[in-house]
Amino acid sequence: MRVLMWIAICFLGGAAVAVEPERQEWRVDGVTREGLVYAPATAIIASAPVIFAFHGHGGTMKNAARSFAYHTEWPEAITVYLQGLNTPGKLTDPEGKKPGWQSSPGDQQDRDLKFYDIVLASLKKDYKVDDKRIFSTGHSNGGGFTYLLWATRGDTLTAVAPSAAISNQNIKDLKPKPVLHVAGEKDTLVKYDWQLRTIDAVRKLNGTYGDGQPWEKLGKVYPSKSNTPVLTYIHSGGHNFPSDAPALIVKFFKEQGKSR
């Protein structure tokens, strides 16, 4: 697969061109976990950023790759769409019949945090990963897991972009980090008011100032003296992931990657 990708890039004059992500497997505490990985051939010889993208509760890696499509927005980056396991949901699916992600430290024996660790280690073994440009994003339960990664694996991450989510951690346990939070004003599942409280707490944590400056369509950026801005993209929808969000998230990641 990598050889074919390398040949394709050579014929295209060195330009990175996104192809379909490749299914990979990892063993985590004796359990086979899977994900879809897009890696440009250039990542074998040149430093590359990494995007971890997490589906919502009940979602799949395939749907995430199709709806998020970060690998087409930023084909020079390594993009990883991981698959969750059946997990009880705090707001839906209390019996845990659908796939999702652990919600707090120690939940599910930290199986998903271990999964992240193993995948990141394998990427560093196979590719030239840029340690200063590792990002996480996710929607709903996947956004909550992104907040959990910030709390527990924040030293490995450059910036995060949760959507339709709140932090289940004590904000004081987080270390300041650039964040873009996507929220819908009509979200009745992860209520909009809950998300605003999380945004306000993160702004205080990051030491932002001012009332926010315009950033792209519907976006705001709250600058920080510690170079850890908080950005928001508040849309008029509900508990959905806007079609224009991936491009904005990639733009945000690129901006933060340059400033580190």
Protein backbone atom coordinates (compact mmCIF):
# COMPACT_ATOMS: atom_id res chain seq x y z
CA MET A 1 0.00 0.00 0.00
CA ARG A 2 2.75 2.46 0.94
CA VAL A 3 4.68 1.62 -2.24
CA LEU A 4 1.64 2.39 -4.38
CA MET A 5 1.11 5.67 -2.55
CA TRP A 6 4.77 6.56 -3.04
CA ILE A 7 4.55 5.87 -6.79
CA ALA A 8 1.40 7.99 -7.04
CA ILE A 9 3.09 10.94 -5.36
CA CYS A 10 6.16 10.63 -7.58
CA PHE A 11 4.01 10.79 -10.71
CA LEU A 12 2.16 13.80 -9.31
CA GLY A 13 5.32 15.80 -8.83
CA GLY A 14 5.55 15.35 -5.07
CA ALA A 15 2.11 16.76 -4.24
CA ALA A 16 0.24 14.97 -1.47
CA VAL A 17 -3.02 13.53 -2.76
CA ALA A 18 -5.55 12.00 -0.38
CA VAL A 19 -6.54 8.39 -1.02
CA GLU A 20 -8.86 6.18 1.00
CA PRO A 21 -7.66 5.51 4.58
CA GLU A 22 -6.31 2.01 5.23
CA ARG A 23 -7.74 -0.30 7.91
CA GLN A 24 -5.26 -1.24 10.64
CA GLU A 25 -5.39 -3.30 13.83
CA TRP A 26 -3.76 -3.03 17.24
CA ARG A 27 -3.90 -5.25 20.34
CA VAL A 28 -4.92 -3.49 23.55
CA ASP A 29 -5.02 -5.63 26.70
CA GLY A 30 -5.64 -8.71 24.56
CA VAL A 31 -8.46 -7.08 22.58
CA THR A 32 -8.16 -6.35 18.86
CA ARG A 33 -8.88 -2.69 18.15
CA GLU A 34 -9.15 -1.15 14.72
CA GLY A 35 -9.00 2.13 12.91
CA LEU A 36 -8.70 3.73 9.51
CA VAL A 37 -5.38 5.46 8.88
CA TYR A 38 -4.56 7.84 6.09
CA ALA A 39 -0.83 8.53 5.83
CA PRO A 40 0.73 10.39 2.89
CA ALA A 41 3.75 8.65 1.42
CA THR A 42 5.82 11.70 2.32
CA ALA A 43 5.29 10.87 6.02
CA ILE A 44 7.89 8.11 5.66
CA ILE A 45 10.65 10.59 4.89
CA ALA A 46 9.39 13.98 6.09
CA SER A 47 7.88 15.23 9.34
CA ALA A 48 4.06 15.07 9.28
CA PRO A 49 1.28 16.34 11.56
CA VAL A 50 -1.26 13.91 13.02
CA ILE A 51 -5.03 14.28 13.47
CA PHE A 52 -6.93 11.87 15.72
CA ALA A 53 -10.66 11.96 14.91
CA PHE A 54 -13.26 10.28 17.16
CA HIS A 55 -16.83 9.40 16.16
CA GLY A 56 -19.82 10.02 18.40
CA HIS A 57 -21.68 7.41 20.45
CA GLY A 58 -23.19 4.85 18.09
CA GLY A 59 -20.91 5.95 15.27
CA THR A 60 -18.27 4.10 13.28
CA MET A 61 -14.81 4.83 11.95
CA LYS A 62 -16.13 4.51 8.39
CA ASN A 63 -18.83 7.11 8.91
CA ALA A 64 -16.32 9.35 10.66
CA ALA A 65 -13.90 9.11 7.74
CA ARG A 66 -16.72 9.93 5.34
CA SER A 67 -18.32 12.80 7.29
CA PHE A 68 -15.20 14.37 8.83
CA ALA A 69 -12.90 13.72 5.84
CA TYR A 70 -9.95 15.50 7.41
CA HIS A 71 -7.63 13.53 5.14
CA THR A 72 -9.05 15.39 2.13
CA GLU A 73 -8.87 18.76 3.89
CA TRP A 74 -5.24 18.24 4.91
CA PRO A 75 -3.71 15.46 2.77
CA GLU A 76 -0.20 16.26 4.04
CA ALA A 77 -1.24 15.12 7.53
CA ILE A 78 -1.60 11.63 8.97
CA THR A 79 -5.27 11.22 9.88
CA VAL A 80 -6.54 8.47 12.17
CA TYR A 81 -10.21 7.50 12.53
CA LEU A 82 -10.40 5.04 15.42
CA GLN A 83 -13.27 2.65 16.18
CA GLY A 84 -14.88 2.64 19.61
CA LEU A 85 -16.23 -0.41 21.46
CA ASN A 86 -19.72 -0.87 22.90
CA THR A 87 -19.91 1.53 25.83
CA PRO A 88 -22.73 2.73 28.11
CA GLY A 89 -23.69 6.30 27.24
CA LYS A 90 -24.38 8.87 29.93
CA LEU A 91 -27.20 10.51 27.92
CA THR A 92 -28.29 7.61 25.68
CA ASP A 93 -27.78 3.84 25.48
CA PRO A 94 -27.33 3.10 29.21
CA GLU A 95 -26.97 -0.63 28.44
CA GLY A 96 -23.96 0.02 26.24
CA LYS A 97 -25.19 -1.66 23.08
CA LYS A 98 -23.50 0.86 20.78
CA PRO A 99 -19.85 1.84 20.27
CA GLY A 100 -18.36 4.82 22.02
CA TRP A 101 -15.54 6.05 24.23
CA GLN A 102 -14.75 6.08 27.93
CA SER A 103 -15.98 9.23 29.63
CA SER A 104 -13.59 9.67 32.54
CA PRO A 105 -10.23 8.45 33.89
CA GLY A 106 -10.47 4.82 35.00
CA ASP A 107 -13.74 4.19 33.14
CA GLN A 108 -13.70 0.92 31.15
CA GLN A 109 -10.26 0.16 32.64
CA ASP A 110 -8.88 3.07 30.59
CA ARG A 111 -9.11 0.91 27.48
CA ASP A 112 -9.47 3.89 25.13
CA LEU A 113 -6.65 5.91 26.67
CA LYS A 114 -4.44 2.84 26.27
CA PHE A 115 -5.68 2.53 22.69
CA TYR A 116 -4.60 6.10 21.97
CA ASP A 117 -1.18 5.47 23.52
CA ILE A 118 -0.57 2.34 21.46
CA VAL A 119 -1.72 3.91 18.18
CA LEU A 120 0.41 7.02 18.71
CA ALA A 121 3.44 4.86 19.49
CA SER A 122 2.88 2.79 16.35
CA LEU A 123 2.58 5.91 14.20
CA LYS A 124 5.86 7.20 15.58
CA LYS A 125 7.46 3.86 14.74
CA ASP A 126 6.16 3.78 11.16
CA TYR A 127 6.30 7.48 10.22
CA LYS A 128 8.12 10.70 10.94
CA VAL A 129 5.53 12.18 13.30
CA ASP A 130 5.88 15.87 14.13
CA ASP A 131 5.58 15.90 17.94
CA LYS A 132 4.73 19.62 17.82
CA ARG A 133 1.71 19.05 15.58
CA ILE A 134 -0.47 16.33 17.11
CA PHE A 135 -4.18 17.15 17.29
CA SER A 136 -7.43 15.59 18.52
CA THR A 137 -11.00 16.26 17.49
CA GLY A 138 -14.31 14.48 17.87
CA HIS A 139 -18.06 14.94 17.89
CA SER A 140 -20.39 14.39 20.87
CA ASN A 141 -19.01 11.41 22.84
CA GLY A 142 -15.91 11.70 20.63
CA GLY A 143 -15.65 15.35 21.61
CA GLY A 144 -15.94 14.37 25.26
CA PHE A 145 -13.12 11.88 24.73
CA THR A 146 -11.06 14.66 23.16
CA TYR A 147 -11.54 16.64 26.38
CA LEU A 148 -10.46 13.53 28.31
CA LEU A 149 -7.32 13.24 26.18
CA TRP A 150 -6.60 16.88 26.94
CA ALA A 151 -6.90 16.14 30.66
CA THR A 152 -4.85 12.94 30.68
CA ARG A 153 -2.62 13.09 27.60
CA GLY A 154 -2.38 16.84 27.15
CA ASP A 155 1.42 16.78 26.97
CA THR A 156 1.15 14.86 23.68
CA LEU A 157 -1.31 17.28 22.05
CA THR A 158 -0.78 20.63 20.36
CA ALA A 159 -4.45 21.68 20.16
CA VAL A 160 -7.93 20.16 20.37
CA ALA A 161 -11.27 20.72 18.64
CA PRO A 162 -14.27 19.10 20.39
CA SER A 163 -17.76 19.40 18.92
CA ALA A 164 -21.11 19.13 20.76
CA ALA A 165 -19.39 18.09 23.97
CA ILE A 166 -18.54 19.10 27.50
CA SER A 167 -15.59 18.32 29.72
CA ASN A 168 -16.43 15.69 32.33
CA GLN A 169 -13.15 16.51 34.07
CA ASN A 170 -12.48 19.19 36.63
CA ILE A 171 -11.28 22.10 34.54
CA LYS A 172 -8.52 22.65 37.09
CA ASP A 173 -7.02 19.33 35.99
CA LEU A 174 -6.50 20.66 32.46
CA LYS A 175 -3.40 22.57 31.43
CA PRO A 176 -3.87 25.59 29.13
CA LYS A 177 -4.02 24.54 25.48
CA PRO A 178 -5.44 26.03 22.26
CA VAL A 179 -9.00 24.82 21.69
CA LEU A 180 -11.73 25.29 19.10
CA HIS A 181 -15.17 24.32 20.44
CA VAL A 182 -18.02 23.72 17.96
CA ALA A 183 -21.56 23.98 19.38
CA GLY A 184 -25.14 24.19 18.13
CA GLU A 185 -27.52 26.70 19.67
CA LYS A 186 -30.40 24.22 19.41
CA ASP A 187 -28.54 21.22 20.82
CA THR A 188 -30.98 19.51 23.19
CA LEU A 189 -28.84 16.41 23.85
CA VAL A 190 -25.59 17.96 25.04
CA LYS A 191 -27.38 21.11 26.01
CA TYR A 192 -26.07 24.37 24.64
CA ASP A 193 -26.01 25.93 28.12
CA TRP A 194 -23.80 23.10 29.36
CA GLN A 195 -21.39 23.71 26.52
CA LEU A 196 -21.29 27.44 27.19
CA ARG A 197 -20.30 26.72 30.79
CA THR A 198 -17.46 24.52 29.55
CA ILE A 199 -16.33 27.22 27.10
CA ASP A 200 -16.39 29.86 29.85
CA ALA A 201 -14.37 27.62 32.18
CA VAL A 202 -11.81 26.89 29.47
CA ARG A 203 -11.51 30.59 28.66
CA LYS A 204 -10.73 31.27 32.32
CA LEU A 205 -8.24 28.39 32.39
CA ASN A 206 -6.44 29.65 29.27
CA GLY A 207 -6.39 33.22 30.51
CA THR A 208 -8.22 34.72 27.55
CA TYR A 209 -9.24 38.37 27.43
CA GLY A 210 -11.72 40.54 25.55
CA ASP A 211 -15.14 39.81 24.07
CA GLY A 212 -13.84 37.80 21.15
CA GLN A 213 -12.74 38.80 17.68
CA PRO A 214 -14.38 37.55 14.45
CA TRP A 215 -12.83 34.39 13.02
CA GLU A 216 -14.17 32.96 9.77
CA LYS A 217 -17.94 32.52 9.39
CA LEU A 218 -19.71 32.54 12.77
CA GLY A 219 -16.42 32.01 14.53
CA LYS A 220 -14.81 33.93 17.37
CA VAL A 221 -11.29 33.89 18.75
CA TYR A 222 -10.48 34.85 22.32
CA PRO A 223 -6.74 35.62 22.48
CA SER A 224 -4.58 34.62 25.41
CA LYS A 225 -1.35 36.06 26.77
CA SER A 226 -0.07 32.50 27.14
CA ASN A 227 -0.58 31.81 23.41
CA THR A 228 -3.43 29.39 24.17
CA PRO A 229 -6.43 30.99 22.45
CA VAL A 230 -9.99 29.73 22.74
CA LEU A 231 -11.97 29.71 19.50
CA THR A 232 -15.67 29.02 19.14
CA TYR A 233 -17.84 28.15 16.18
CA ILE A 234 -21.46 28.51 17.27
CA HIS A 235 -23.91 27.40 14.59
CA SER A 236 -27.69 27.59 14.49
CA GLY A 237 -28.28 23.84 14.36
CA GLY A 238 -28.76 21.16 16.97
CA HIS A 239 -26.70 18.11 17.89
CA ASN A 240 -25.21 17.82 14.43
CA PHE A 241 -21.76 18.23 12.98
CA PRO A 242 -21.82 21.11 10.45
CA SER A 243 -20.55 20.31 6.96
CA ASP A 244 -18.18 23.28 7.02
CA ALA A 245 -16.65 22.36 10.40
CA PRO A 246 -13.86 20.10 9.06
CA ALA A 247 -12.33 22.88 6.96
CA LEU A 248 -12.47 25.28 9.91
CA ILE A 249 -10.96 22.72 12.28
CA VAL A 250 -8.10 22.04 9.86
CA LYS A 251 -7.52 25.79 9.49
CA PHE A 252 -7.35 26.08 13.28
CA PHE A 253 -4.94 23.14 13.57
CA LYS A 254 -2.67 24.60 10.89
CA GLU A 255 -2.62 27.98 12.64
CA GLN A 256 -1.72 26.45 15.99
CA GLY A 257 0.89 24.19 14.43
CA LYS A 258 2.72 27.23 13.07
CA SER A 259 2.64 29.09 16.38
CA ARG A 260 4.12 26.36 18.56
